[in-house]
């Protein structure tokens, strides 16, 4: 039986953790419950200052995460113990595990002295062209102008029936079959969090470029590339202290990060990173 993407990442995280000397957690950072976009994520920080983000708005995750972890510190816990909980069906454990996986991946990049090339491209090297049919997994409004201005046609797959509509430049649907004719697809990391990656990739099987993007796309990309994903557009923290101060009061924190896009062509691979880690 083919392993799920979650299982692959838990196994890979164990290898990374062993190579890095079993990193431990410094803190879990939660924004105020403001309902604003800046408060849709949690940030997991390791003892060396590496930070990974995770989305906390899926299936009541936020309330569960705050109740379970908000009042008690998790400082000193081994990162791997939290990542192993990523395999659970519990949404709070999965969110925390994914944030930890992202933080561990960022630490590996640092220890291997490799940094993804900076890129302001929010679409993960999608490069939409006039007349192309673009697919989007989850309605991510900030990405719409780039696709509309290129003259491409957009179909968005959503789980929320309240978002279903037909607009001038895009259509929102609940039907995965609508993605079958898409030539390129961009997705948020929610498909990793809710373990629907394989189903989505099947629905988009005719696309020749599939990108996963967003603040939570901070993990090593090897299992994704093996599944057929072409690019991973994430962020790395470039100013830790001001980011955390801003993040924890629910203000805009993106200015303290640098966007990047990892592709098959510019990525050295997990084996080289592990070998180079100090």
C-alpha atoms as a PDB file:
ATOM      1  CA  UNK A   1       0.000   0.000   0.000  1.00  0.00           C
ATOM      2  CA  UNK A   2       1.280   3.457  -0.899  1.00  0.00           C
ATOM      3  CA  UNK A   3       2.206   5.532   2.128  1.00  0.00           C
ATOM      4  CA  UNK A   4       0.283   8.747   2.721  1.00  0.00           C
ATOM      5  CA  UNK A   5       2.101  12.051   2.447  1.00  0.00           C
ATOM      6  CA  UNK A   6       1.744  12.379   6.216  1.00  0.00           C
ATOM      7  CA  UNK A   7       3.487   9.053   6.844  1.00  0.00           C
ATOM      8  CA  UNK A   8       6.294   9.978   4.466  1.00  0.00           C
ATOM      9  CA  UNK A   9       6.868  13.261   6.238  1.00  0.00           C
ATOM     10  CA  UNK A  10       6.892  11.694   9.702  1.00  0.00           C
ATOM     11  CA  UNK A  11       9.539   9.211   8.568  1.00  0.00           C
ATOM     12  CA  UNK A  12      11.609  11.900   6.894  1.00  0.00           C
ATOM     13  CA  UNK A  13      11.335  14.160   9.946  1.00  0.00           C
ATOM     14  CA  UNK A  14      12.798  11.375  12.088  1.00  0.00           C
ATOM     15  CA  UNK A  15      15.862  11.275   9.816  1.00  0.00           C
ATOM     16  CA  UNK A  16      16.240  15.039   9.935  1.00  0.00           C
ATOM     17  CA  UNK A  17      15.862  15.166  13.723  1.00  0.00           C
ATOM     18  CA  UNK A  18      18.504  12.489  14.233  1.00  0.00           C
ATOM     19  CA  UNK A  19      20.920  14.311  11.944  1.00  0.00           C
ATOM     20  CA  UNK A  20      20.360  17.611  13.764  1.00  0.00           C
ATOM     21  CA  UNK A  21      20.777  16.105  17.235  1.00  0.00           C
ATOM     22  CA  UNK A  22      17.139  15.858  18.313  1.00  0.00           C
ATOM     23  CA  UNK A  23      16.152  19.556  18.334  1.00  0.00           C
ATOM     24  CA  UNK A  24      13.829  20.757  21.059  1.00  0.00           C
ATOM     25  CA  UNK A  25      11.038  23.303  21.183  1.00  0.00           C
ATOM     26  CA  UNK A  26      11.538  26.808  22.544  1.00  0.00           C
ATOM     27  CA  UNK A  27       7.922  27.987  22.348  1.00  0.00           C
ATOM     28  CA  UNK A  28       4.565  27.869  20.609  1.00  0.00           C
ATOM     29  CA  UNK A  29       3.433  31.339  19.581  1.00  0.00           C
ATOM     30  CA  UNK A  30      -0.278  32.063  19.119  1.00  0.00           C
ATOM     31  CA  UNK A  31      -1.738  35.331  17.842  1.00  0.00           C
ATOM     32  CA  UNK A  32      -4.698  36.996  19.542  1.00  0.00           C
ATOM     33  CA  UNK A  33      -8.042  35.538  18.366  1.00  0.00           C
ATOM     34  CA  UNK A  34      -8.909  38.556  16.237  1.00  0.00           C
ATOM     35  CA  UNK A  35     -10.310  36.780  13.194  1.00  0.00           C
ATOM     36  CA  UNK A  36      -7.965  38.757  10.945  1.00  0.00           C
ATOM     37  CA  UNK A  37      -5.835  37.079   8.261  1.00  0.00           C
ATOM     38  CA  UNK A  38      -2.689  37.713  10.312  1.00  0.00           C
ATOM     39  CA  UNK A  39      -4.199  35.596  13.107  1.00  0.00           C
ATOM     40  CA  UNK A  40      -4.880  32.504  10.993  1.00  0.00           C
ATOM     41  CA  UNK A  41      -1.548  30.858  11.823  1.00  0.00           C
ATOM     42  CA  UNK A  42       0.467  29.543  14.745  1.00  0.00           C
ATOM     43  CA  UNK A  43       4.271  29.697  14.905  1.00  0.00           C
ATOM     44  CA  UNK A  44       6.400  26.935  16.408  1.00  0.00           C
ATOM     45  CA  UNK A  45       9.897  27.997  17.435  1.00  0.00           C
ATOM     46  CA  UNK A  46      12.808  25.638  18.055  1.00  0.00           C
ATOM     47  CA  UNK A  47      15.616  26.334  20.530  1.00  0.00           C
ATOM     48  CA  UNK A  48      17.919  27.623  17.786  1.00  0.00           C
ATOM     49  CA  UNK A  49      15.326  30.189  16.701  1.00  0.00           C
ATOM     50  CA  UNK A  50      14.053  28.313  13.634  1.00  0.00           C
ATOM     51  CA  UNK A  51      10.346  29.012  13.097  1.00  0.00           C
ATOM     52  CA  UNK A  52       7.646  27.079  11.263  1.00  0.00           C
ATOM     53  CA  UNK A  53       4.065  28.168  10.632  1.00  0.00           C
ATOM     54  CA  UNK A  54       0.814  26.243  10.400  1.00  0.00           C
ATOM     55  CA  UNK A  55      -2.738  27.211   9.470  1.00  0.00           C
ATOM     56  CA  UNK A  56      -5.162  26.954  12.411  1.00  0.00           C
ATOM     57  CA  UNK A  57      -8.547  27.682  10.828  1.00  0.00           C
ATOM     58  CA  UNK A  58      -9.442  24.144   9.703  1.00  0.00           C
ATOM     59  CA  UNK A  59     -12.199  22.192  11.483  1.00  0.00           C
ATOM     60  CA  UNK A  60     -12.147  24.062  14.784  1.00  0.00           C
ATOM     61  CA  UNK A  61      -8.380  23.695  15.091  1.00  0.00           C
ATOM     62  CA  UNK A  62      -7.795  27.095  16.670  1.00  0.00           C
ATOM     63  CA  UNK A  63     -10.042  26.622  19.700  1.00  0.00           C
ATOM     64  CA  UNK A  64      -8.668  23.160  20.325  1.00  0.00           C
ATOM     65  CA  UNK A  65      -5.085  24.347  19.979  1.00  0.00           C
ATOM     66  CA  UNK A  66      -5.588  27.247  22.377  1.00  0.00           C
ATOM     67  CA  UNK A  67      -7.350  25.084  24.949  1.00  0.00           C
ATOM     68  CA  UNK A  68      -4.771  22.321  24.824  1.00  0.00           C
ATOM     69  CA  UNK A  69      -1.517  24.206  24.396  1.00  0.00           C
ATOM     70  CA  UNK A  70      -2.203  27.888  24.955  1.00  0.00           C
ATOM     71  CA  UNK A  71      -2.093  27.805  28.760  1.00  0.00           C
ATOM     72  CA  UNK A  72       0.842  25.437  29.146  1.00  0.00           C
ATOM     73  CA  UNK A  73       4.292  25.736  27.713  1.00  0.00           C
ATOM     74  CA  UNK A  74       5.757  23.057  25.493  1.00  0.00           C
ATOM     75  CA  UNK A  75       9.306  24.338  25.828  1.00  0.00           C
ATOM     76  CA  UNK A  76      11.861  21.552  26.010  1.00  0.00           C
ATOM     77  CA  UNK A  77       9.812  18.942  24.207  1.00  0.00           C
ATOM     78  CA  UNK A  78      11.576  17.088  21.414  1.00  0.00           C
ATOM     79  CA  UNK A  79      10.445  18.342  18.032  1.00  0.00           C
ATOM     80  CA  UNK A  80      10.093  14.799  16.747  1.00  0.00           C
ATOM     81  CA  UNK A  81       7.517  13.947  19.429  1.00  0.00           C
ATOM     82  CA  UNK A  82       5.250  16.703  18.106  1.00  0.00           C
ATOM     83  CA  UNK A  83       5.827  15.753  14.479  1.00  0.00           C
ATOM     84  CA  UNK A  84       4.843  12.162  15.200  1.00  0.00           C
ATOM     85  CA  UNK A  85       1.452  13.530  16.296  1.00  0.00           C
ATOM     86  CA  UNK A  86       1.086  14.951  12.786  1.00  0.00           C
ATOM     87  CA  UNK A  87      -0.003  11.440  11.790  1.00  0.00           C
ATOM     88  CA  UNK A  88      -2.992  11.645  14.141  1.00  0.00           C
ATOM     89  CA  UNK A  89      -6.464  12.545  12.950  1.00  0.00           C
ATOM     90  CA  UNK A  90      -6.697  15.178  15.679  1.00  0.00           C
ATOM     91  CA  UNK A  91      -6.685  18.595  13.929  1.00  0.00           C
ATOM     92  CA  UNK A  92      -4.836  20.443  16.716  1.00  0.00           C
ATOM     93  CA  UNK A  93      -2.109  17.805  16.872  1.00  0.00           C
ATOM     94  CA  UNK A  94      -1.795  17.866  13.088  1.00  0.00           C
ATOM     95  CA  UNK A  95      -1.478  21.660  12.996  1.00  0.00           C
ATOM     96  CA  UNK A  96       1.153  21.642  15.721  1.00  0.00           C
ATOM     97  CA  UNK A  97       3.005  18.754  14.085  1.00  0.00           C
ATOM     98  CA  UNK A  98       3.027  20.493  10.712  1.00  0.00           C
ATOM     99  CA  UNK A  99       4.372  23.724  12.218  1.00  0.00           C
ATOM    100  CA  UNK A 100       7.114  21.696  13.877  1.00  0.00           C
ATOM    101  CA  UNK A 101       7.941  19.935  10.605  1.00  0.00           C
ATOM    102  CA  UNK A 102       8.294  23.327   8.946  1.00  0.00           C
ATOM    103  CA  UNK A 103      10.542  24.613  11.735  1.00  0.00           C
ATOM    104  CA  UNK A 104      12.712  21.496  11.564  1.00  0.00           C
ATOM    105  CA  UNK A 105      13.010  21.889   7.786  1.00  0.00           C
ATOM    106  CA  UNK A 106      14.085  25.512   8.191  1.00  0.00           C
ATOM    107  CA  UNK A 107      16.704  24.452  10.718  1.00  0.00           C
ATOM    108  CA  UNK A 108      18.022  21.873   8.258  1.00  0.00           C
ATOM    109  CA  UNK A 109      18.345  24.530   5.546  1.00  0.00           C
ATOM    110  CA  UNK A 110      20.346  26.693   7.953  1.00  0.00           C
ATOM    111  CA  UNK A 111      22.583  23.908   9.232  1.00  0.00           C
ATOM    112  CA  UNK A 112      23.273  22.737   5.676  1.00  0.00           C
ATOM    113  CA  UNK A 113      24.099  26.336   4.719  1.00  0.00           C
ATOM    114  CA  UNK A 114      21.557  26.279   1.937  1.00  0.00           C
ATOM    115  CA  UNK A 115      18.971  28.970   1.424  1.00  0.00           C
ATOM    116  CA  UNK A 116      16.183  28.888  -1.170  1.00  0.00           C
ATOM    117  CA  UNK A 117      16.610  31.707  -3.655  1.00  0.00           C
ATOM    118  CA  UNK A 118      14.444  34.698  -2.812  1.00  0.00           C
ATOM    119  CA  UNK A 119      11.439  35.146  -5.075  1.00  0.00           C
ATOM    120  CA  UNK A 120       8.559  37.582  -4.994  1.00  0.00           C
ATOM    121  CA  UNK A 121       6.441  35.213  -7.091  1.00  0.00           C
ATOM    122  CA  UNK A 122       3.348  34.346  -5.006  1.00  0.00           C
ATOM    123  CA  UNK A 123       2.189  31.704  -7.514  1.00  0.00           C
ATOM    124  CA  UNK A 124       5.050  29.235  -7.173  1.00  0.00           C
ATOM    125  CA  UNK A 125       6.497  29.695 -10.682  1.00  0.00           C
ATOM    126  CA  UNK A 126       3.029  29.065 -12.150  1.00  0.00           C
ATOM    127  CA  UNK A 127       3.496  31.773 -14.807  1.00  0.00           C
ATOM    128  CA  UNK A 128      -0.140  31.980 -16.003  1.00  0.00           C
ATOM    129  CA  UNK A 129      -0.596  32.875 -19.662  1.00  0.00           C
ATOM    130  CA  UNK A 130      -3.488  34.383 -21.591  1.00  0.00           C
ATOM    131  CA  UNK A 131      -6.113  31.762 -22.429  1.00  0.00           C
ATOM    132  CA  UNK A 132      -4.788  29.130 -20.020  1.00  0.00           C
ATOM    133  CA  UNK A 133      -7.109  27.342 -17.606  1.00  0.00           C
ATOM    134  CA  UNK A 134      -5.697  27.727 -14.094  1.00  0.00           C
ATOM    135  CA  UNK A 135      -6.895  25.743 -11.099  1.00  0.00           C
ATOM    136  CA  UNK A 136      -6.755  26.921  -7.494  1.00  0.00           C
ATOM    137  CA  UNK A 137      -7.314  24.767  -4.409  1.00  0.00           C
ATOM    138  CA  UNK A 138      -8.994  26.954  -1.851  1.00  0.00           C
ATOM    139  CA  UNK A 139     -10.093  30.500  -2.623  1.00  0.00           C
ATOM    140  CA  UNK A 140      -7.010  32.579  -1.873  1.00  0.00           C
ATOM    141  CA  UNK A 141      -8.022  36.128  -2.776  1.00  0.00           C
ATOM    142  CA  UNK A 142      -4.511  37.717  -2.796  1.00  0.00           C
ATOM    143  CA  UNK A 143      -3.549  35.462  -5.712  1.00  0.00           C
ATOM    144  CA  UNK A 144      -6.466  36.405  -7.959  1.00  0.00           C
ATOM    145  CA  UNK A 145      -5.084  39.666  -9.405  1.00  0.00           C
ATOM    146  CA  UNK A 146      -1.946  37.971 -10.782  1.00  0.00           C
ATOM    147  CA  UNK A 147      -4.038  35.372 -12.601  1.00  0.00           C
ATOM    148  CA  UNK A 148      -6.674  37.820 -13.834  1.00  0.00           C
ATOM    149  CA  UNK A 149      -4.092  40.295 -15.149  1.00  0.00           C
ATOM    150  CA  UNK A 150      -2.452  37.510 -17.169  1.00  0.00           C
ATOM    151  CA  UNK A 151      -5.736  36.892 -18.987  1.00  0.00           C
ATOM    152  CA  UNK A 152      -6.047  33.308 -17.758  1.00  0.00           C
ATOM    153  CA  UNK A 153      -9.296  31.558 -16.852  1.00  0.00           C
ATOM    154  CA  UNK A 154      -9.541  30.421 -13.209  1.00  0.00           C
ATOM    155  CA  UNK A 155     -11.469  27.613 -11.524  1.00  0.00           C
ATOM    156  CA  UNK A 156     -11.333  27.421  -7.731  1.00  0.00           C
ATOM    157  CA  UNK A 157     -12.085  24.221  -5.799  1.00  0.00           C
ATOM    158  CA  UNK A 158     -13.588  24.911  -2.381  1.00  0.00           C
ATOM    159  CA  UNK A 159     -15.006  22.899   0.511  1.00  0.00           C
ATOM    160  CA  UNK A 160     -17.174  25.771   1.739  1.00  0.00           C
ATOM    161  CA  UNK A 161     -20.455  25.820  -0.199  1.00  0.00           C
ATOM    162  CA  UNK A 162     -21.046  29.450   0.841  1.00  0.00           C
ATOM    163  CA  UNK A 163     -18.156  30.511  -1.404  1.00  0.00           C
ATOM    164  CA  UNK A 164     -19.542  28.873  -4.553  1.00  0.00           C
ATOM    165  CA  UNK A 165     -20.168  31.452  -7.281  1.00  0.00           C
ATOM    166  CA  UNK A 166     -19.474  32.458 -10.854  1.00  0.00           C
ATOM    167  CA  UNK A 167     -17.633  35.731 -11.313  1.00  0.00           C
ATOM    168  CA  UNK A 168     -16.437  37.464 -14.459  1.00  0.00           C
ATOM    169  CA  UNK A 169     -12.881  36.152 -14.237  1.00  0.00           C
ATOM    170  CA  UNK A 170     -13.232  33.076 -12.052  1.00  0.00           C
ATOM    171  CA  UNK A 171     -15.539  30.322 -10.918  1.00  0.00           C
ATOM    172  CA  UNK A 172     -15.735  28.694  -7.467  1.00  0.00           C
ATOM    173  CA  UNK A 173     -17.024  25.125  -7.319  1.00  0.00           C
ATOM    174  CA  UNK A 174     -17.299  22.140  -4.980  1.00  0.00           C
ATOM    175  CA  UNK A 175     -16.728  19.673  -7.834  1.00  0.00           C
ATOM    176  CA  UNK A 176     -13.149  18.300  -8.164  1.00  0.00           C
ATOM    177  CA  UNK A 177     -13.972  17.141 -11.717  1.00  0.00           C
ATOM    178  CA  UNK A 178     -13.942  20.808 -12.778  1.00  0.00           C
ATOM    179  CA  UNK A 179     -10.148  20.751 -12.421  1.00  0.00           C
ATOM    180  CA  UNK A 180      -9.635  18.027 -15.019  1.00  0.00           C
ATOM    181  CA  UNK A 181      -9.071  20.537 -17.832  1.00  0.00           C
ATOM    182  CA  UNK A 182      -6.711  22.790 -15.879  1.00  0.00           C
ATOM    183  CA  UNK A 183      -3.237  23.185 -17.350  1.00  0.00           C
ATOM    184  CA  UNK A 184      -1.677  24.619 -14.199  1.00  0.00           C
ATOM    185  CA  UNK A 185      -2.758  24.457 -10.556  1.00  0.00           C
ATOM    186  CA  UNK A 186      -1.832  26.375  -7.405  1.00  0.00           C
ATOM    187  CA  UNK A 187      -2.814  25.228  -3.918  1.00  0.00           C
ATOM    188  CA  UNK A 188      -2.414  26.256  -0.315  1.00  0.00           C
ATOM    189  CA  UNK A 189      -0.922  23.832   2.222  1.00  0.00           C
ATOM    190  CA  UNK A 190      -4.364  22.882   3.501  1.00  0.00           C
ATOM    191  CA  UNK A 191      -4.177  19.780   1.295  1.00  0.00           C
ATOM    192  CA  UNK A 192      -1.200  18.611   3.363  1.00  0.00           C
ATOM    193  CA  UNK A 193      -2.852  19.498   6.659  1.00  0.00           C
ATOM    194  CA  UNK A 194      -6.058  17.609   5.894  1.00  0.00           C
ATOM    195  CA  UNK A 195      -4.229  14.830   3.978  1.00  0.00           C
ATOM    196  CA  UNK A 196      -6.137  15.332   0.714  1.00  0.00           C
ATOM    197  CA  UNK A 197      -3.032  15.800  -1.457  1.00  0.00           C
ATOM    198  CA  UNK A 198      -3.428  12.560  -3.394  1.00  0.00           C
ATOM    199  CA  UNK A 199      -7.112  13.163  -4.128  1.00  0.00           C
ATOM    200  CA  UNK A 200      -6.369  16.666  -5.368  1.00  0.00           C
ATOM    201  CA  UNK A 201      -3.447  15.530  -7.520  1.00  0.00           C
ATOM    202  CA  UNK A 202      -5.709  12.929  -9.127  1.00  0.00           C
ATOM    203  CA  UNK A 203      -8.333  15.561  -9.870  1.00  0.00           C
ATOM    204  CA  UNK A 204      -5.599  17.706 -11.466  1.00  0.00           C
ATOM    205  CA  UNK A 205      -3.899  14.818 -13.281  1.00  0.00           C
ATOM    206  CA  UNK A 206      -3.876  16.640 -16.631  1.00  0.00           C
ATOM    207  CA  UNK A 207      -2.050  19.703 -15.305  1.00  0.00           C
ATOM    208  CA  UNK A 208       1.608  20.088 -16.260  1.00  0.00           C
ATOM    209  CA  UNK A 209       2.496  22.377 -13.346  1.00  0.00           C
ATOM    210  CA  UNK A 210       1.295  22.001  -9.750  1.00  0.00           C
ATOM    211  CA  UNK A 211       2.490  24.438  -7.084  1.00  0.00           C
ATOM    212  CA  UNK A 212       1.856  24.583  -3.335  1.00  0.00           C
ATOM    213  CA  UNK A 213       2.316  28.039  -1.828  1.00  0.00           C
ATOM    214  CA  UNK A 214       1.785  30.080   1.302  1.00  0.00           C
ATOM    215  CA  UNK A 215       3.321  30.976   4.668  1.00  0.00           C
ATOM    216  CA  UNK A 216       2.972  27.362   5.826  1.00  0.00           C
ATOM    217  CA  UNK A 217       4.867  25.886   2.853  1.00  0.00           C
ATOM    218  CA  UNK A 218       8.096  25.711   4.853  1.00  0.00           C
ATOM    219  CA  UNK A 219       8.840  21.989   4.729  1.00  0.00           C
ATOM    220  CA  UNK A 220      11.435  20.117   2.694  1.00  0.00           C
ATOM    221  CA  UNK A 221       9.758  19.304  -0.631  1.00  0.00           C
ATOM    222  CA  UNK A 222      11.054  15.782  -1.346  1.00  0.00           C
ATOM    223  CA  UNK A 223       7.846  13.793  -0.634  1.00  0.00           C
ATOM    224  CA  UNK A 224       5.832  16.370  -2.592  1.00  0.00           C
ATOM    225  CA  UNK A 225       8.149  16.214  -5.588  1.00  0.00           C
ATOM    226  CA  UNK A 226       7.920  12.428  -5.499  1.00  0.00           C
ATOM    227  CA  UNK A 227       4.108  12.728  -5.703  1.00  0.00           C
ATOM    228  CA  UNK A 228       4.220  15.033  -8.727  1.00  0.00           C
ATOM    229  CA  UNK A 229       4.233  18.515  -7.192  1.00  0.00           C
ATOM    230  CA  UNK A 230       6.484  20.859  -9.211  1.00  0.00           C
ATOM    231  CA  UNK A 231       7.111  23.820  -6.907  1.00  0.00           C
ATOM    232  CA  UNK A 232       6.865  24.836  -3.265  1.00  0.00           C
ATOM    233  CA  UNK A 233       6.534  28.543  -2.526  1.00  0.00           C
ATOM    234  CA  UNK A 234       7.209  29.318   1.111  1.00  0.00           C
ATOM    235  CA  UNK A 235       8.742  31.884   3.452  1.00  0.00           C
ATOM    236  CA  UNK A 236      11.755  32.011   5.719  1.00  0.00           C
ATOM    237  CA  UNK A 237      12.020  34.284   8.732  1.00  0.00           C
ATOM    238  CA  UNK A 238      14.690  36.966   8.290  1.00  0.00           C
ATOM    239  CA  UNK A 239      14.062  39.018  11.458  1.00  0.00           C
ATOM    240  CA  UNK A 240      13.034  36.761  14.320  1.00  0.00           C
ATOM    241  CA  UNK A 241      12.447  39.202  17.198  1.00  0.00           C
ATOM    242  CA  UNK A 242      10.338  41.784  15.355  1.00  0.00           C
ATOM    243  CA  UNK A 243       8.414  39.012  13.628  1.00  0.00           C
ATOM    244  CA  UNK A 244       7.440  37.354  16.902  1.00  0.00           C
ATOM    245  CA  UNK A 245       6.536  40.661  18.544  1.00  0.00           C
ATOM    246  CA  UNK A 246       4.348  41.574  15.572  1.00  0.00           C
ATOM    247  CA  UNK A 247       2.919  38.077  15.175  1.00  0.00           C
ATOM    248  CA  UNK A 248       1.863  37.806  18.819  1.00  0.00           C
ATOM    249  CA  UNK A 249      -0.123  41.047  18.707  1.00  0.00           C
ATOM    250  CA  UNK A 250      -1.927  40.056  15.516  1.00  0.00           C
ATOM    251  CA  UNK A 251      -0.356  42.674  13.237  1.00  0.00           C
ATOM    252  CA  UNK A 252       1.031  42.150   9.714  1.00  0.00           C
ATOM    253  CA  UNK A 253       4.260  40.167   9.974  1.00  0.00           C
ATOM    254  CA  UNK A 254       5.069  39.244   6.382  1.00  0.00           C
ATOM    255  CA  UNK A 255       7.644  42.026   6.049  1.00  0.00           C
ATOM    256  CA  UNK A 256       9.905  40.064   8.408  1.00  0.00           C
ATOM    257  CA  UNK A 257       9.988  37.065   6.093  1.00  0.00           C
ATOM    258  CA  UNK A 258      11.451  36.424   2.644  1.00  0.00           C
ATOM    259  CA  UNK A 259       9.422  34.573   0.029  1.00  0.00           C
ATOM    260  CA  UNK A 260      11.048  31.808  -1.988  1.00  0.00           C
ATOM    261  CA  UNK A 261      10.136  29.171  -4.560  1.00  0.00           C
ATOM    262  CA  UNK A 262      11.748  25.721  -4.500  1.00  0.00           C
ATOM    263  CA  UNK A 263      11.590  23.775  -7.757  1.00  0.00           C
ATOM    264  CA  UNK A 264      13.025  20.462  -8.836  1.00  0.00           C
ATOM    265  CA  UNK A 265      15.709  22.363 -10.753  1.00  0.00           C
ATOM    266  CA  UNK A 266      16.985  24.561  -7.893  1.00  0.00           C
ATOM    267  CA  UNK A 267      16.691  22.090  -5.014  1.00  0.00           C
ATOM    268  CA  UNK A 268      19.730  19.996  -4.003  1.00  0.00           C
ATOM    269  CA  UNK A 269      17.697  17.152  -2.488  1.00  0.00           C
ATOM    270  CA  UNK A 270      17.334  15.815   1.037  1.00  0.00           C
ATOM    271  CA  UNK A 271      20.373  13.537   0.894  1.00  0.00           C
ATOM    272  CA  UNK A 272      22.725  16.396   0.064  1.00  0.00           C
ATOM    273  CA  UNK A 273      21.179  18.594   2.744  1.00  0.00           C
ATOM    274  CA  UNK A 274      21.523  15.896   5.395  1.00  0.00           C
ATOM    275  CA  UNK A 275      25.108  15.244   4.387  1.00  0.00           C
ATOM    276  CA  UNK A 276      25.964  18.954   4.535  1.00  0.00           C
ATOM    277  CA  UNK A 277      24.248  19.660   7.875  1.00  0.00           C
ATOM    278  CA  UNK A 278      26.635  20.662  10.637  1.00  0.00           C
END
